[in-house]
């Protein structure tokens, strides 16, 4: 997010959860499938103890009744223009998803965005504010729910050349490219 903030001269705040499962074994990414094998959030700095503990703490915070107030306090302090939800982890329940929607409604000048494999939870929504932008990630158990003609979706590619030849916009180096009008968002495997 630091690179994206610098490229765009803006403030991007992020909120993450454990990748796939919590330290205590709770499944966070309900619809993860083949992505579990190559998830970038299961390697590198994500494996540092302090990072794992931070994301575990975040997961526990999401269960608290005052979660919205706690995040709002952080928003008020940090004053971001964008909030990336889950570069690690995913929406694990409708109730949890609604908490973030409420935060987006309460902060209409901030763009809340990210990627998700929790497609059924999103497809069941009756309302999403315009500042709540999510891209469905391929590699889930429910890829068949993605309407590639209508839905914003992402796919992982081995090379930038392959990504561009397939008509995708590259969001690998600039995370905010997910917010463009192109509904085909590409990421290069790393």
Protein backbone atom coordinates (compact mmCIF):
# COMPACT_ATOMS: atom_id res chain seq x y z
CA UNK A 1 0.00 0.00 0.00
CA UNK A 2 2.96 2.31 0.54
CA UNK A 3 3.87 2.04 -3.13
CA UNK A 4 0.30 2.72 -4.24
CA UNK A 5 0.06 5.70 -1.86
CA UNK A 6 3.30 7.13 -3.26
CA UNK A 7 2.42 6.54 -6.94
CA UNK A 8 -0.96 8.25 -6.50
CA UNK A 9 0.12 10.86 -3.92
CA UNK A 10 -2.70 9.79 -1.63
CA UNK A 11 -3.34 8.03 1.68
CA UNK A 12 -4.27 4.34 1.52
CA UNK A 13 -5.06 2.61 4.80
CA UNK A 14 -5.43 -1.16 4.96
CA UNK A 15 -7.12 -3.63 7.26
CA UNK A 16 -6.12 -7.29 7.14
CA UNK A 17 -7.10 -10.61 8.62
CA UNK A 18 -5.26 -13.91 8.75
CA UNK A 19 -4.93 -15.62 5.37
CA UNK A 20 -7.24 -18.60 4.98
CA UNK A 21 -7.34 -19.65 8.65
CA UNK A 22 -6.74 -17.93 11.96
CA UNK A 23 -4.06 -19.08 14.40
CA UNK A 24 -6.84 -20.81 16.34
CA UNK A 25 -8.04 -22.66 13.22
CA UNK A 26 -11.11 -20.57 12.34
CA UNK A 27 -11.67 -20.45 8.58
CA UNK A 28 -11.42 -16.83 7.42
CA UNK A 29 -11.51 -17.37 3.65
CA UNK A 30 -14.68 -19.45 3.35
CA UNK A 31 -14.62 -19.80 -0.41
CA UNK A 32 -10.88 -20.25 -0.97
CA UNK A 33 -9.97 -23.13 -3.23
CA UNK A 34 -6.95 -23.44 -5.52
CA UNK A 35 -5.67 -20.08 -4.28
CA UNK A 36 -4.69 -21.64 -0.95
CA UNK A 37 -1.70 -23.28 -2.67
CA UNK A 38 -0.19 -20.02 -3.96
CA UNK A 39 -1.61 -17.34 -1.67
CA UNK A 40 0.93 -14.53 -1.35
CA UNK A 41 -0.37 -13.85 2.18
CA UNK A 42 0.94 -17.25 3.26
CA UNK A 43 4.59 -16.38 2.64
CA UNK A 44 7.20 -13.69 3.12
CA UNK A 45 6.58 -10.97 5.67
CA UNK A 46 3.04 -12.27 6.25
CA UNK A 47 4.62 -15.17 8.16
CA UNK A 48 6.44 -12.96 10.66
CA UNK A 49 5.12 -13.58 14.14
CA UNK A 50 4.24 -9.92 14.75
CA UNK A 51 2.26 -9.77 11.48
CA UNK A 52 0.39 -13.01 12.20
CA UNK A 53 -0.43 -11.78 15.71
CA UNK A 54 -1.62 -8.40 14.39
CA UNK A 55 -3.96 -10.03 11.87
CA UNK A 56 -5.22 -12.43 14.54
CA UNK A 57 -5.91 -9.43 16.80
CA UNK A 58 -7.76 -7.75 13.91
CA UNK A 59 -9.88 -10.88 13.46
CA UNK A 60 -10.83 -10.81 17.15
CA UNK A 61 -11.66 -7.09 16.85
CA UNK A 62 -14.11 -7.84 14.02
CA UNK A 63 -16.10 -9.97 16.45
CA UNK A 64 -16.51 -7.14 18.94
CA UNK A 65 -19.73 -5.17 19.09
CA UNK A 66 -17.75 -1.91 18.99
CA UNK A 67 -15.77 -2.83 15.83
CA UNK A 68 -17.33 -0.02 13.77
CA UNK A 69 -16.49 2.55 16.44
CA UNK A 70 -12.90 1.28 16.73
CA UNK A 71 -12.32 1.50 12.96
CA UNK A 72 -14.02 4.89 12.80
CA UNK A 73 -11.59 6.18 15.45
CA UNK A 74 -8.67 4.97 13.28
CA UNK A 75 -10.21 6.59 10.20
CA UNK A 76 -10.60 9.87 12.06
CA UNK A 77 -6.94 9.71 13.16
CA UNK A 78 -5.36 8.61 9.87
CA UNK A 79 -7.70 10.47 7.48
CA UNK A 80 -7.23 8.11 4.51
CA UNK A 81 -8.61 8.70 1.03
CA UNK A 82 -8.86 4.96 0.39
CA UNK A 83 -9.24 1.90 2.60
CA UNK A 84 -8.08 -1.42 1.19
CA UNK A 85 -9.95 -4.16 3.01
CA UNK A 86 -8.12 -7.49 3.14
CA UNK A 87 -4.91 -7.79 1.22
CA UNK A 88 -4.93 -10.81 3.54
CA UNK A 89 -8.12 -12.57 4.63
CA UNK A 90 -11.69 -12.14 3.40
CA UNK A 91 -15.27 -11.46 4.46
CA UNK A 92 -16.20 -14.48 6.57
CA UNK A 93 -19.88 -13.70 7.28
CA UNK A 94 -22.74 -11.45 6.14
CA UNK A 95 -22.68 -9.71 9.53
CA UNK A 96 -19.00 -8.86 9.17
CA UNK A 97 -19.52 -7.59 5.60
CA UNK A 98 -22.35 -5.35 6.82
CA UNK A 99 -20.01 -3.73 9.35
CA UNK A 100 -17.75 -2.54 6.51
CA UNK A 101 -20.72 -1.39 4.45
CA UNK A 102 -21.87 0.67 7.43
CA UNK A 103 -18.40 2.22 7.66
CA UNK A 104 -18.53 3.06 3.94
CA UNK A 105 -21.97 4.68 4.34
CA UNK A 106 -20.68 6.68 7.31
CA UNK A 107 -17.63 7.86 5.31
CA UNK A 108 -18.87 8.74 1.81
CA UNK A 109 -15.68 10.65 0.92
CA UNK A 110 -13.49 7.56 1.37
CA UNK A 111 -13.30 4.74 -1.18
CA UNK A 112 -13.44 1.29 0.45
CA UNK A 113 -12.15 -1.36 -1.91
CA UNK A 114 -10.50 -4.72 -2.37
CA UNK A 115 -10.75 -8.20 -3.76
CA UNK A 116 -12.95 -11.02 -2.52
CA UNK A 117 -13.78 -14.65 -3.05
CA UNK A 118 -16.85 -14.25 -0.81
CA UNK A 119 -18.96 -13.81 -3.94
CA UNK A 120 -22.16 -15.35 -2.51
CA UNK A 121 -22.14 -12.81 0.34
CA UNK A 122 -21.84 -9.94 -2.16
CA UNK A 123 -24.42 -11.36 -4.58
CA UNK A 124 -26.92 -11.54 -1.69
CA UNK A 125 -26.56 -7.82 -0.88
CA UNK A 126 -29.53 -5.61 -1.57
CA UNK A 127 -27.48 -2.42 -1.30
CA UNK A 128 -23.86 -1.38 -1.73
CA UNK A 129 -22.80 2.25 -1.53
CA UNK A 130 -20.95 3.72 -4.51
CA UNK A 131 -17.78 4.11 -2.46
CA UNK A 132 -17.62 0.35 -1.73
CA UNK A 133 -15.87 -1.25 -4.71
CA UNK A 134 -14.98 -4.93 -4.77
CA UNK A 135 -13.50 -7.17 -7.37
CA UNK A 136 -14.31 -10.88 -7.43
CA UNK A 137 -11.18 -13.04 -7.35
CA UNK A 138 -10.95 -16.15 -9.46
CA UNK A 139 -9.60 -19.27 -7.80
CA UNK A 140 -12.57 -19.74 -5.46
CA UNK A 141 -15.03 -22.57 -4.95
CA UNK A 142 -17.70 -20.32 -6.49
CA UNK A 143 -16.06 -18.94 -9.66
CA UNK A 144 -19.18 -20.01 -11.58
CA UNK A 145 -21.03 -17.10 -9.93
CA UNK A 146 -18.80 -14.53 -11.67
CA UNK A 147 -20.50 -12.93 -14.67
CA UNK A 148 -17.45 -11.94 -16.72
CA UNK A 149 -19.52 -9.61 -18.91
CA UNK A 150 -20.92 -7.64 -15.97
CA UNK A 151 -18.89 -8.22 -12.79
CA UNK A 152 -15.52 -6.71 -11.94
CA UNK A 153 -13.18 -9.68 -11.52
CA UNK A 154 -9.52 -10.50 -11.21
CA UNK A 155 -7.28 -13.19 -12.52
CA UNK A 156 -3.66 -14.07 -11.77
CA UNK A 157 -1.17 -14.19 -14.65
CA UNK A 158 2.40 -15.42 -14.93
CA UNK A 159 3.57 -12.46 -17.03
CA UNK A 160 2.50 -8.91 -17.75
CA UNK A 161 2.49 -9.70 -21.46
CA UNK A 162 -0.05 -12.49 -20.94
CA UNK A 163 -2.14 -10.20 -18.72
CA UNK A 164 -2.26 -7.35 -21.25
CA UNK A 165 -2.89 -9.66 -24.23
CA UNK A 166 -5.94 -10.99 -22.38
CA UNK A 167 -7.43 -7.48 -22.10
CA UNK A 168 -6.84 -7.01 -18.38
CA UNK A 169 -5.56 -3.88 -16.66
CA UNK A 170 -2.50 -4.50 -14.49
CA UNK A 171 -3.07 -3.71 -10.81
CA UNK A 172 0.12 -5.44 -9.60
CA UNK A 173 2.11 -2.25 -8.98
CA UNK A 174 -0.72 0.22 -8.52
CA UNK A 175 -3.45 -1.17 -6.30
CA UNK A 176 -5.85 1.64 -7.20
CA UNK A 177 -6.09 0.33 -10.78
CA UNK A 178 -8.84 -1.90 -9.40
CA UNK A 179 -10.99 1.24 -9.37
CA UNK A 180 -10.84 1.86 -13.13
CA UNK A 181 -13.78 1.23 -15.46
CA UNK A 182 -12.14 -1.92 -16.81
CA UNK A 183 -13.91 -4.88 -15.20
CA UNK A 184 -10.97 -7.20 -15.96
CA UNK A 185 -8.30 -6.66 -13.31
CA UNK A 186 -5.07 -8.59 -13.69
CA UNK A 187 -2.41 -9.39 -11.14
CA UNK A 188 0.98 -10.94 -11.81
CA UNK A 189 1.87 -13.95 -9.67
CA UNK A 190 4.46 -13.08 -7.04
